[in-house]
Amino acid sequence: MIDYSELKKGTRIIFKGQPHEIIEAFPIFKGRGHSTLQVKLKNLINGNVISDTFHPSDSFEEAALEKIDATFLYAHRGRYFFCYKDNPAKRFSLEEEKIGESAKFLKPNQPVEGILFNNQIINISLPIKIALKVKEAPPGLKGGRSQPGTKTVVLETGAKVDVPLFVQEGDIIEINTQTGQYTRRIEKAR
């Protein structure tokens, strides 16, 4: 069991019968030592985010989640199809709403982790940093290489990301999948 004092950002608990992850936690102190914890919880099955208030008398069961290695295959009509890394014939699919914003960084043969709850795959998680090729990039301004600034480029997956002006079409760049932001250029276009 997880006690009130152990609740913090990133903790995964069973709340109303489903696994949730705490994405924000703010303690609120009231007079005479009474305190509560204002939290935002993300449902790990359907992706919904809810707010709630927990009290010192509350305790929760820890969400026992397992992970498996998987590979992204393709997307079709809002569904994303994956296979087990060690058994390509064993496949599963998830809706775009469940995967969330990270779906825009999925490319064929991308390694991912499948998240299991009660022996059912409920979601996937991408590596924190992935390399993607720049498909379309507007030209930087003349002299723009010496001045800070950004421009929006289109990646091979169709995602749009703000990058420094020196990034060109054909470059391979690294993206943080949690923030959706450019981190660095890995390889310059030839």
N, C-alpha and C. Protein backbone atom coordinates (compact mmCIF):
# COMPACT_ATOMS: atom_id res chain seq x y z
N MET A 1 0.84 -1.20 0.00
CA MET A 1 0.00 0.00 0.00
C MET A 1 0.88 1.25 0.00
N ILE A 2 0.40 2.24 -0.68
CA ILE A 2 1.09 3.52 -0.73
C ILE A 2 0.33 4.50 0.16
N ASP A 3 1.04 5.05 1.14
CA ASP A 3 0.42 6.00 2.07
C ASP A 3 0.41 7.40 1.47
N TYR A 4 -0.37 8.25 2.09
CA TYR A 4 -0.51 9.66 1.70
C TYR A 4 0.86 10.33 1.60
N SER A 5 1.75 10.06 2.54
CA SER A 5 3.06 10.71 2.57
C SER A 5 3.96 10.30 1.41
N GLU A 6 3.66 9.18 0.74
CA GLU A 6 4.48 8.69 -0.37
C GLU A 6 3.97 9.14 -1.73
N LEU A 7 2.84 9.85 -1.76
CA LEU A 7 2.27 10.29 -3.04
C LEU A 7 3.05 11.47 -3.58
N LYS A 8 3.54 11.33 -4.81
CA LYS A 8 4.27 12.42 -5.47
C LYS A 8 4.18 12.22 -6.97
N LYS A 9 4.68 13.19 -7.71
CA LYS A 9 4.65 13.12 -9.17
C LYS A 9 5.35 11.85 -9.64
N GLY A 10 4.70 11.12 -10.57
CA GLY A 10 5.29 9.91 -11.12
C GLY A 10 4.84 8.63 -10.43
N THR A 11 4.20 8.75 -9.25
CA THR A 11 3.72 7.57 -8.54
C THR A 11 2.53 6.98 -9.28
N ARG A 12 2.52 5.65 -9.42
CA ARG A 12 1.42 4.96 -10.11
C ARG A 12 0.59 4.20 -9.06
N ILE A 13 -0.71 4.50 -9.05
CA ILE A 13 -1.60 3.93 -8.05
C ILE A 13 -2.86 3.36 -8.72
N ILE A 14 -3.58 2.53 -7.98
CA ILE A 14 -4.90 2.07 -8.42
C ILE A 14 -5.91 3.04 -7.81
N PHE A 15 -6.66 3.76 -8.64
CA PHE A 15 -7.64 4.74 -8.19
C PHE A 15 -8.95 4.42 -8.90
N LYS A 16 -9.98 4.16 -8.14
CA LYS A 16 -11.29 3.78 -8.68
C LYS A 16 -11.18 2.56 -9.61
N GLY A 17 -10.33 1.61 -9.21
CA GLY A 17 -10.22 0.34 -9.92
C GLY A 17 -9.36 0.34 -11.17
N GLN A 18 -8.74 1.49 -11.51
CA GLN A 18 -7.92 1.56 -12.71
C GLN A 18 -6.56 2.17 -12.39
N PRO A 19 -5.52 1.81 -13.17
CA PRO A 19 -4.19 2.37 -12.90
C PRO A 19 -4.13 3.84 -13.32
N HIS A 20 -3.58 4.67 -12.44
CA HIS A 20 -3.40 6.10 -12.70
C HIS A 20 -1.97 6.48 -12.34
N GLU A 21 -1.46 7.51 -13.01
CA GLU A 21 -0.16 8.07 -12.67
C GLU A 21 -0.37 9.50 -12.22
N ILE A 22 0.27 9.87 -11.11
CA ILE A 22 0.17 11.25 -10.62
C ILE A 22 1.08 12.12 -11.48
N ILE A 23 0.49 13.12 -12.17
CA ILE A 23 1.29 13.99 -13.03
C ILE A 23 1.56 15.34 -12.37
N GLU A 24 0.78 15.70 -11.36
CA GLU A 24 1.02 16.91 -10.56
C GLU A 24 0.54 16.64 -9.15
N ALA A 25 1.28 17.16 -8.15
CA ALA A 25 0.88 17.01 -6.76
C ALA A 25 1.27 18.27 -5.99
N PHE A 26 0.27 18.95 -5.40
CA PHE A 26 0.50 20.18 -4.65
C PHE A 26 -0.08 20.05 -3.25
N PRO A 27 0.78 20.09 -2.22
CA PRO A 27 0.24 20.05 -0.86
C PRO A 27 -0.44 21.38 -0.52
N ILE A 28 -1.56 21.30 0.16
CA ILE A 28 -2.28 22.50 0.60
C ILE A 28 -2.43 22.41 2.12
N PHE A 29 -1.89 23.40 2.81
CA PHE A 29 -1.92 23.41 4.28
C PHE A 29 -3.03 24.33 4.76
N LYS A 30 -3.84 23.80 5.66
CA LYS A 30 -4.92 24.58 6.25
C LYS A 30 -4.61 24.78 7.72
N GLY A 31 -5.36 25.58 8.38
CA GLY A 31 -5.14 25.88 9.79
C GLY A 31 -5.11 24.65 10.68
N ARG A 32 -4.38 24.75 11.79
CA ARG A 32 -4.27 23.73 12.82
C ARG A 32 -3.73 22.40 12.29
N GLY A 33 -2.76 22.46 11.40
CA GLY A 33 -2.06 21.26 10.96
C GLY A 33 -2.77 20.37 9.97
N HIS A 34 -3.97 20.73 9.56
CA HIS A 34 -4.70 19.91 8.59
C HIS A 34 -4.16 20.20 7.19
N SER A 35 -3.83 19.13 6.45
CA SER A 35 -3.32 19.34 5.09
C SER A 35 -4.01 18.37 4.14
N THR A 36 -4.01 18.75 2.86
CA THR A 36 -4.53 17.89 1.81
C THR A 36 -3.54 17.93 0.65
N LEU A 37 -3.71 17.03 -0.30
CA LEU A 37 -2.85 16.98 -1.47
C LEU A 37 -3.73 17.10 -2.70
N GLN A 38 -3.56 18.20 -3.43
CA GLN A 38 -4.30 18.43 -4.67
C GLN A 38 -3.49 17.76 -5.79
N VAL A 39 -4.11 16.81 -6.50
CA VAL A 39 -3.38 16.04 -7.52
C VAL A 39 -4.09 16.07 -8.87
N LYS A 40 -3.30 15.89 -9.91
CA LYS A 40 -3.82 15.61 -11.25
C LYS A 40 -3.38 14.20 -11.57
N LEU A 41 -4.33 13.38 -11.96
CA LEU A 41 -4.08 11.97 -12.25
C LEU A 41 -4.35 11.68 -13.71
N LYS A 42 -3.46 10.90 -14.33
CA LYS A 42 -3.67 10.46 -15.71
C LYS A 42 -4.05 8.99 -15.67
N ASN A 43 -5.21 8.68 -16.24
CA ASN A 43 -5.66 7.30 -16.34
C ASN A 43 -4.79 6.61 -17.38
N LEU A 44 -4.10 5.55 -16.98
CA LEU A 44 -3.17 4.88 -17.89
C LEU A 44 -3.86 3.99 -18.91
N ILE A 45 -5.16 3.76 -18.75
CA ILE A 45 -5.89 2.95 -19.73
C ILE A 45 -6.48 3.82 -20.83
N ASN A 46 -7.17 4.91 -20.47
CA ASN A 46 -7.82 5.72 -21.50
C ASN A 46 -7.16 7.09 -21.72
N GLY A 47 -6.17 7.45 -20.90
CA GLY A 47 -5.45 8.70 -21.09
C GLY A 47 -6.12 9.93 -20.51
N ASN A 48 -7.32 9.80 -19.92
CA ASN A 48 -8.01 10.96 -19.35
C ASN A 48 -7.26 11.50 -18.15
N VAL A 49 -7.28 12.83 -18.00
CA VAL A 49 -6.65 13.48 -16.86
C VAL A 49 -7.75 14.05 -15.97
N ILE A 50 -7.68 13.74 -14.68
CA ILE A 50 -8.67 14.24 -13.72
C ILE A 50 -7.95 14.90 -12.54
N SER A 51 -8.67 15.75 -11.83
CA SER A 51 -8.15 16.37 -10.61
C SER A 51 -8.89 15.79 -9.42
N ASP A 52 -8.18 15.66 -8.30
CA ASP A 52 -8.80 15.16 -7.08
C ASP A 52 -8.02 15.67 -5.89
N THR A 53 -8.59 15.49 -4.70
CA THR A 53 -7.95 15.90 -3.46
C THR A 53 -7.81 14.68 -2.57
N PHE A 54 -6.59 14.45 -2.07
CA PHE A 54 -6.34 13.33 -1.16
C PHE A 54 -6.10 13.85 0.24
N HIS A 55 -6.48 13.05 1.24
CA HIS A 55 -6.36 13.42 2.64
C HIS A 55 -5.36 12.49 3.33
N PRO A 56 -4.80 12.91 4.48
CA PRO A 56 -3.80 12.07 5.18
C PRO A 56 -4.28 10.66 5.52
N SER A 57 -5.57 10.45 5.63
CA SER A 57 -6.08 9.11 5.96
C SER A 57 -6.15 8.19 4.73
N ASP A 58 -5.92 8.74 3.52
CA ASP A 58 -6.01 7.95 2.29
C ASP A 58 -4.77 7.09 2.09
N SER A 59 -4.98 5.89 1.56
CA SER A 59 -3.88 5.03 1.12
C SER A 59 -4.36 4.30 -0.13
N PHE A 60 -3.42 3.92 -0.98
CA PHE A 60 -3.76 3.34 -2.28
C PHE A 60 -2.91 2.12 -2.56
N GLU A 61 -3.44 1.25 -3.39
CA GLU A 61 -2.70 0.10 -3.85
C GLU A 61 -1.78 0.56 -4.99
N GLU A 62 -0.55 0.05 -4.99
CA GLU A 62 0.39 0.39 -6.06
C GLU A 62 -0.03 -0.31 -7.34
N ALA A 63 0.03 0.41 -8.46
CA ALA A 63 -0.34 -0.17 -9.76
C ALA A 63 0.80 -1.06 -10.23
N ALA A 64 0.54 -2.34 -10.28
CA ALA A 64 1.56 -3.31 -10.72
C ALA A 64 1.55 -3.38 -12.24
N LEU A 65 2.46 -2.64 -12.84
CA LEU A 65 2.55 -2.59 -14.30
C LEU A 65 3.78 -3.36 -14.76
N GLU A 66 3.63 -4.07 -15.84
CA GLU A 66 4.76 -4.78 -16.46
C GLU A 66 5.05 -4.13 -17.80
N LYS A 67 6.26 -4.36 -18.30
CA LYS A 67 6.63 -3.81 -19.60
C LYS A 67 7.16 -4.92 -20.50
N ILE A 68 6.84 -4.79 -21.78
CA ILE A 68 7.36 -5.73 -22.78
C ILE A 68 8.00 -4.93 -23.91
N ASP A 69 8.98 -5.51 -24.56
CA ASP A 69 9.59 -4.86 -25.72
C ASP A 69 8.71 -5.11 -26.93
N ALA A 70 8.44 -4.04 -27.68
CA ALA A 70 7.58 -4.14 -28.86
C ALA A 70 8.15 -3.27 -29.97
N THR A 71 7.56 -3.40 -31.15
CA THR A 71 7.98 -2.61 -32.32
C THR A 71 6.74 -2.04 -32.98
N PHE A 72 6.81 -0.74 -33.34
CA PHE A 72 5.71 -0.10 -34.07
C PHE A 72 5.76 -0.57 -35.51
N LEU A 73 4.60 -0.98 -36.05
CA LEU A 73 4.53 -1.46 -37.43
C LEU A 73 3.97 -0.39 -38.37
N TYR A 74 2.71 0.02 -38.15
CA TYR A 74 2.09 1.00 -39.03
C TYR A 74 0.85 1.59 -38.36
N ALA A 75 0.33 2.67 -38.97
CA ALA A 75 -0.90 3.30 -38.49
C ALA A 75 -1.93 3.24 -39.62
N HIS A 76 -3.20 3.04 -39.23
CA HIS A 76 -4.28 2.99 -40.22
C HIS A 76 -5.57 3.45 -39.55
N ARG A 77 -6.16 4.51 -40.09
CA ARG A 77 -7.45 5.03 -39.62
C ARG A 77 -7.51 5.24 -38.11
N GLY A 78 -6.50 5.91 -37.57
CA GLY A 78 -6.51 6.25 -36.15
C GLY A 78 -6.10 5.13 -35.21
N ARG A 79 -5.69 4.00 -35.74
CA ARG A 79 -5.21 2.88 -34.92
C ARG A 79 -3.73 2.65 -35.24
N TYR A 80 -3.00 2.33 -34.19
CA TYR A 80 -1.57 2.09 -34.33
C TYR A 80 -1.29 0.62 -34.02
N PHE A 81 -0.57 -0.04 -34.92
CA PHE A 81 -0.35 -1.48 -34.81
C PHE A 81 1.10 -1.77 -34.42
N PHE A 82 1.26 -2.72 -33.49
CA PHE A 82 2.55 -3.07 -32.93
C PHE A 82 2.69 -4.59 -32.93
N CYS A 83 3.94 -5.06 -32.77
CA CYS A 83 4.17 -6.49 -32.57
C CYS A 83 5.16 -6.67 -31.43
N TYR A 84 5.11 -7.84 -30.80
CA TYR A 84 6.08 -8.17 -29.76
C TYR A 84 7.44 -8.31 -30.41
N LYS A 85 8.48 -7.78 -29.78
CA LYS A 85 9.82 -7.82 -30.36
C LYS A 85 10.31 -9.26 -30.52
N ASP A 86 10.04 -10.12 -29.53
CA ASP A 86 10.53 -11.49 -29.59
C ASP A 86 9.59 -12.43 -30.36
N ASN A 87 8.39 -11.93 -30.72
CA ASN A 87 7.44 -12.76 -31.46
C ASN A 87 6.65 -11.87 -32.44
N PRO A 88 7.20 -11.58 -33.62
CA PRO A 88 6.54 -10.66 -34.56
C PRO A 88 5.14 -11.09 -34.99
N ALA A 89 4.81 -12.36 -34.86
CA ALA A 89 3.47 -12.81 -35.23
C ALA A 89 2.42 -12.40 -34.20
N LYS A 90 2.84 -12.09 -32.98
CA LYS A 90 1.92 -11.68 -31.92
C LYS A 90 1.79 -10.16 -31.98
N ARG A 91 0.59 -9.69 -32.34
CA ARG A 91 0.38 -8.26 -32.58
C ARG A 91 -0.72 -7.69 -31.71
N PHE A 92 -0.68 -6.36 -31.55
CA PHE A 92 -1.72 -5.65 -30.83
C PHE A 92 -1.85 -4.26 -31.42
N SER A 93 -2.99 -3.60 -31.14
CA SER A 93 -3.20 -2.25 -31.66
C SER A 93 -3.78 -1.36 -30.57
N LEU A 94 -3.56 -0.07 -30.71
CA LEU A 94 -4.07 0.93 -29.78
C LEU A 94 -4.64 2.12 -30.56
N GLU A 95 -5.63 2.80 -29.96
CA GLU A 95 -6.19 3.98 -30.60
C GLU A 95 -5.25 5.17 -30.39
N GLU A 96 -5.35 6.13 -31.29
CA GLU A 96 -4.51 7.33 -31.22
C GLU A 96 -4.75 8.10 -29.92
N GLU A 97 -6.01 8.15 -29.44
CA GLU A 97 -6.33 8.88 -28.22
C GLU A 97 -5.59 8.29 -27.02
N LYS A 98 -5.41 6.98 -27.02
CA LYS A 98 -4.75 6.31 -25.91
C LYS A 98 -3.25 6.63 -25.88
N ILE A 99 -2.63 6.65 -27.05
CA ILE A 99 -1.20 6.89 -27.14
C ILE A 99 -0.87 8.35 -26.83
N GLY A 100 -1.73 9.25 -27.28
CA GLY A 100 -1.54 10.68 -26.99
C GLY A 100 -0.58 11.36 -27.95
N GLU A 101 0.05 12.42 -27.47
CA GLU A 101 0.92 13.26 -28.29
C GLU A 101 2.12 12.52 -28.86
N SER A 102 2.60 11.51 -28.16
CA SER A 102 3.79 10.80 -28.64
C SER A 102 3.53 10.03 -29.93
N ALA A 103 2.27 9.83 -30.31
CA ALA A 103 1.94 9.11 -31.55
C ALA A 103 2.57 9.80 -32.77
N LYS A 104 2.71 11.12 -32.72
CA LYS A 104 3.26 11.83 -33.88
C LYS A 104 4.75 11.57 -34.10
N PHE A 105 5.41 10.88 -33.16
CA PHE A 105 6.83 10.58 -33.32
C PHE A 105 7.08 9.11 -33.68
N LEU A 106 6.01 8.35 -33.92
CA LEU A 106 6.16 6.94 -34.27
C LEU A 106 6.49 6.77 -35.75
N LYS A 107 7.51 5.97 -36.05
CA LYS A 107 7.84 5.63 -37.43
C LYS A 107 7.97 4.11 -37.50
N PRO A 108 7.75 3.51 -38.68
CA PRO A 108 7.83 2.05 -38.80
C PRO A 108 9.15 1.50 -38.26
N ASN A 109 9.05 0.37 -37.58
CA ASN A 109 10.18 -0.33 -36.95
C ASN A 109 10.76 0.39 -35.74
N GLN A 110 10.02 1.37 -35.20
CA GLN A 110 10.45 2.11 -34.01
C GLN A 110 10.29 1.21 -32.78
N PRO A 111 11.36 0.99 -32.00
CA PRO A 111 11.20 0.19 -30.78
C PRO A 111 10.43 0.99 -29.72
N VAL A 112 9.51 0.33 -29.04
CA VAL A 112 8.71 0.93 -27.97
C VAL A 112 8.58 -0.08 -26.84
N GLU A 113 8.02 0.37 -25.72
CA GLU A 113 7.70 -0.54 -24.63
C GLU A 113 6.20 -0.61 -24.48
N GLY A 114 5.65 -1.81 -24.44
CA GLY A 114 4.24 -1.99 -24.17
C GLY A 114 4.03 -2.05 -22.67
N ILE A 115 2.99 -1.37 -22.17
CA ILE A 115 2.69 -1.35 -20.74
C ILE A 115 1.52 -2.29 -20.49
N LEU A 116 1.75 -3.29 -19.63
CA LEU A 116 0.72 -4.29 -19.32
C LEU A 116 0.14 -4.06 -17.93
N PHE A 117 -1.18 -4.20 -17.83
CA PHE A 117 -1.89 -4.16 -16.55
C PHE A 117 -2.89 -5.31 -16.57
N ASN A 118 -2.81 -6.20 -15.60
CA ASN A 118 -3.66 -7.40 -15.56
C ASN A 118 -3.55 -8.20 -16.86
N ASN A 119 -2.32 -8.37 -17.35
CA ASN A 119 -2.01 -9.13 -18.58
C ASN A 119 -2.67 -8.56 -19.83
N GLN A 120 -3.00 -7.29 -19.82
CA GLN A 120 -3.57 -6.62 -21.00
C GLN A 120 -2.71 -5.40 -21.33
N ILE A 121 -2.40 -5.21 -22.61
CA ILE A 121 -1.61 -4.06 -23.01
C ILE A 121 -2.53 -2.83 -22.99
N ILE A 122 -2.17 -1.85 -22.15
CA ILE A 122 -3.01 -0.67 -21.99
C ILE A 122 -2.43 0.56 -22.69
N ASN A 123 -1.13 0.57 -22.96
CA ASN A 123 -0.52 1.72 -23.62
C ASN A 123 0.91 1.35 -24.00
N ILE A 124 1.61 2.32 -24.60
CA ILE A 124 3.02 2.14 -24.95
C ILE A 124 3.80 3.34 -24.45
N SER A 125 5.10 3.19 -24.32
CA SER A 125 5.95 4.34 -24.03
C SER A 125 7.12 4.32 -25.00
N LEU A 126 7.43 5.48 -25.53
CA LEU A 126 8.55 5.63 -26.46
C LEU A 126 9.83 5.88 -25.70
N PRO A 127 10.97 5.62 -26.34
CA PRO A 127 12.22 6.06 -25.72
C PRO A 127 12.16 7.58 -25.52
N ILE A 128 12.84 8.09 -24.51
CA ILE A 128 12.77 9.53 -24.23
C ILE A 128 13.30 10.35 -25.40
N LYS A 129 14.38 9.87 -26.03
CA LYS A 129 14.95 10.60 -27.17
C LYS A 129 15.00 9.68 -28.38
N ILE A 130 14.53 10.21 -29.52
CA ILE A 130 14.57 9.44 -30.76
C ILE A 130 15.13 10.31 -31.89
N ALA A 131 15.70 9.66 -32.89
CA ALA A 131 16.28 10.35 -34.04
C ALA A 131 15.29 10.30 -35.20
N LEU A 132 15.01 11.47 -35.79
CA LEU A 132 14.11 11.56 -36.93
C LEU A 132 14.73 12.45 -38.01
N LYS A 133 14.38 12.16 -39.26
CA LYS A 133 14.90 12.92 -40.40
C LYS A 133 13.98 14.11 -40.69
N VAL A 134 14.58 15.25 -41.03
CA VAL A 134 13.82 16.44 -41.40
C VAL A 134 13.39 16.29 -42.85
N LYS A 135 12.07 16.29 -43.09
CA LYS A 135 11.52 16.10 -44.43
C LYS A 135 11.37 17.44 -45.16
N GLU A 136 10.89 18.46 -44.45
CA GLU A 136 10.72 19.79 -45.05
C GLU A 136 11.25 20.84 -44.08
N ALA A 137 12.04 21.78 -44.62
CA ALA A 137 12.58 22.86 -43.80
C ALA A 137 12.65 24.12 -44.63
N PRO A 138 12.04 25.21 -44.16
CA PRO A 138 12.18 26.47 -44.88
C PRO A 138 13.64 26.95 -44.76
N PRO A 139 14.10 27.72 -45.72
CA PRO A 139 15.49 28.20 -45.62
C PRO A 139 15.62 29.16 -44.44
N GLY A 140 16.81 29.15 -43.82
CA GLY A 140 17.09 30.10 -42.74
C GLY A 140 17.33 31.47 -43.34
N LEU A 141 17.19 32.50 -42.57
CA LEU A 141 17.43 33.85 -43.05
C LEU A 141 18.92 34.07 -43.29
N LYS A 142 19.26 34.91 -44.27
CA LYS A 142 20.66 35.20 -44.54
C LYS A 142 21.26 35.82 -43.29
N GLY A 143 22.39 35.27 -42.87
CA GLY A 143 23.02 35.76 -41.65
C GLY A 143 22.38 35.18 -40.41
N GLY A 144 21.37 34.36 -40.58
CA GLY A 144 20.64 33.80 -39.46
C GLY A 144 21.43 32.79 -38.65
N ARG A 145 22.51 32.29 -39.22
CA ARG A 145 23.28 31.27 -38.52
C ARG A 145 23.99 31.86 -37.29
N SER A 146 24.27 33.13 -37.29
CA SER A 146 24.97 33.72 -36.14
C SER A 146 24.00 34.31 -35.12
N GLN A 147 22.73 34.42 -35.48
CA GLN A 147 21.75 34.99 -34.57
C GLN A 147 20.81 33.90 -34.08
N PRO A 148 20.44 33.96 -32.79
CA PRO A 148 19.51 32.94 -32.29
C PRO A 148 18.13 33.11 -32.91
N GLY A 149 17.45 32.02 -33.12
CA GLY A 149 16.11 32.05 -33.68
C GLY A 149 15.66 30.63 -33.99
N THR A 150 14.39 30.50 -34.30
CA THR A 150 13.88 29.16 -34.63
C THR A 150 13.02 29.21 -35.87
N LYS A 151 12.80 28.04 -36.43
CA LYS A 151 11.88 27.88 -37.55
C LYS A 151 11.17 26.54 -37.34
N THR A 152 10.03 26.36 -37.99
CA THR A 152 9.27 25.13 -37.87
C THR A 152 9.57 24.22 -39.05
N VAL A 153 9.93 22.97 -38.75
CA VAL A 153 10.22 21.98 -39.79
C VAL A 153 9.23 20.83 -39.68
N VAL A 154 9.11 20.05 -40.77
CA VAL A 154 8.27 18.85 -40.78
C VAL A 154 9.20 17.64 -40.77
N LEU A 155 8.93 16.71 -39.85
CA LEU A 155 9.75 15.51 -39.72
C LEU A 155 9.20 14.38 -40.60
N GLU A 156 9.95 13.30 -40.73
CA GLU A 156 9.54 12.17 -41.56
C GLU A 156 8.22 11.55 -41.12
N THR A 157 7.83 11.74 -39.86
CA THR A 157 6.57 11.19 -39.35
C THR A 157 5.40 12.15 -39.57
N GLY A 158 5.69 13.36 -40.06
CA GLY A 158 4.65 14.37 -40.26
C GLY A 158 4.54 15.35 -39.11
N ALA A 159 5.26 15.11 -38.02
CA ALA A 159 5.23 16.01 -36.86
C ALA A 159 5.94 17.32 -37.20
N LYS A 160 5.43 18.41 -36.62
CA LYS A 160 6.06 19.73 -36.80
C LYS A 160 6.76 20.12 -35.51
N VAL A 161 8.02 20.56 -35.63
CA VAL A 161 8.85 20.88 -34.48
C VAL A 161 9.61 22.17 -34.74
N ASP A 162 9.78 22.99 -33.70
CA ASP A 162 10.60 24.19 -33.80
C ASP A 162 12.06 23.81 -33.59
N VAL A 163 12.92 24.28 -34.50
CA VAL A 163 14.35 23.95 -34.46
C VAL A 163 15.15 25.23 -34.69
N PRO A 164 16.46 25.20 -34.39
CA PRO A 164 17.31 26.35 -34.70
C PRO A 164 17.39 26.58 -36.22
N LEU A 165 17.75 27.78 -36.61
CA LEU A 165 17.78 28.15 -38.02
C LEU A 165 18.77 27.34 -38.86
N PHE A 166 19.82 26.78 -38.25
CA PHE A 166 20.82 26.05 -39.03
C PHE A 166 20.37 24.66 -39.48
N VAL A 167 19.27 24.15 -38.95
CA VAL A 167 18.79 22.82 -39.34
C VAL A 167 18.23 22.89 -40.76
N GLN A 168 18.62 21.90 -41.61
CA GLN A 168 18.22 21.89 -43.00
C GLN A 168 17.46 20.61 -43.34
N GLU A 169 16.81 20.63 -44.49
CA GLU A 169 16.12 19.43 -44.99
C GLU A 169 17.14 18.31 -45.16
N GLY A 170 16.80 17.11 -44.70
CA GLY A 170 17.69 15.96 -44.79
C GLY A 170 18.52 15.72 -43.54
N ASP A 171 18.59 16.70 -42.63
CA ASP A 171 19.32 16.51 -41.38
C ASP A 171 18.61 15.47 -40.52
N ILE A 172 19.37 14.75 -39.71
CA ILE A 172 18.81 13.84 -38.72
C ILE A 172 18.92 14.57 -37.38
N ILE A 173 17.77 14.75 -36.70
CA ILE A 173 17.78 15.47 -35.43
C ILE A 173 17.23 14.59 -34.31
N GLU A 174 17.57 14.95 -33.08
CA GLU A 174 17.09 14.21 -31.92
C GLU A 174 15.94 14.99 -31.29
N ILE A 175 14.86 14.27 -30.96
CA ILE A 175 13.66 14.88 -30.37
C ILE A 175 13.41 14.24 -29.01
N ASN A 176 13.05 15.06 -28.03
CA ASN A 176 12.62 14.56 -26.73
C ASN A 176 11.13 14.24 -26.86
N THR A 177 10.74 12.97 -26.74
CA THR A 177 9.35 12.57 -26.95
C THR A 177 8.43 13.00 -25.82
N GLN A 178 8.99 13.29 -24.64
CA GLN A 178 8.15 13.73 -23.52
C GLN A 178 7.75 15.19 -23.64
N THR A 179 8.67 16.02 -24.16
CA THR A 179 8.38 17.45 -24.31
C THR A 179 8.02 17.82 -25.74
N GLY A 180 8.39 16.97 -26.71
CA GLY A 180 8.15 17.27 -28.12
C GLY A 180 9.09 18.31 -28.67
N GLN A 181 10.23 18.51 -28.02
CA GLN A 181 11.17 19.56 -28.43
C GLN A 181 12.46 19.00 -29.02
N TYR A 182 13.06 19.80 -29.89
CA TYR A 182 14.36 19.52 -30.50
C TYR A 182 15.42 19.51 -29.39
N THR A 183 16.35 18.53 -29.45
CA THR A 183 17.46 18.53 -28.49
C THR A 183 18.80 18.80 -29.17
N ARG A 184 19.05 18.15 -30.34
CA ARG A 184 20.32 18.39 -31.04
C ARG A 184 20.26 17.82 -32.46
N ARG A 185 21.22 18.24 -33.27
CA ARG A 185 21.36 17.68 -34.62
C ARG A 185 22.36 16.53 -34.53
N ILE A 186 21.95 15.36 -35.01
CA ILE A 186 22.81 14.18 -34.96
C ILE A 186 23.68 14.08 -36.20
N GLU A 187 23.05 14.31 -37.37
CA GLU A 187 23.77 14.17 -38.63
C GLU A 187 23.34 15.26 -39.59
N LYS A 188 24.32 15.89 -40.20
CA LYS A 188 24.04 16.96 -41.17
C LYS A 188 23.75 16.34 -42.53
N ALA A 189 22.80 16.95 -43.26
CA ALA A 189 22.43 16.46 -44.61
C ALA A 189 23.62 16.56 -45.53
N ARG A 190 23.72 15.60 -46.42
CA ARG A 190 24.84 15.59 -47.38
C ARG A 190 24.46 16.28 -48.65
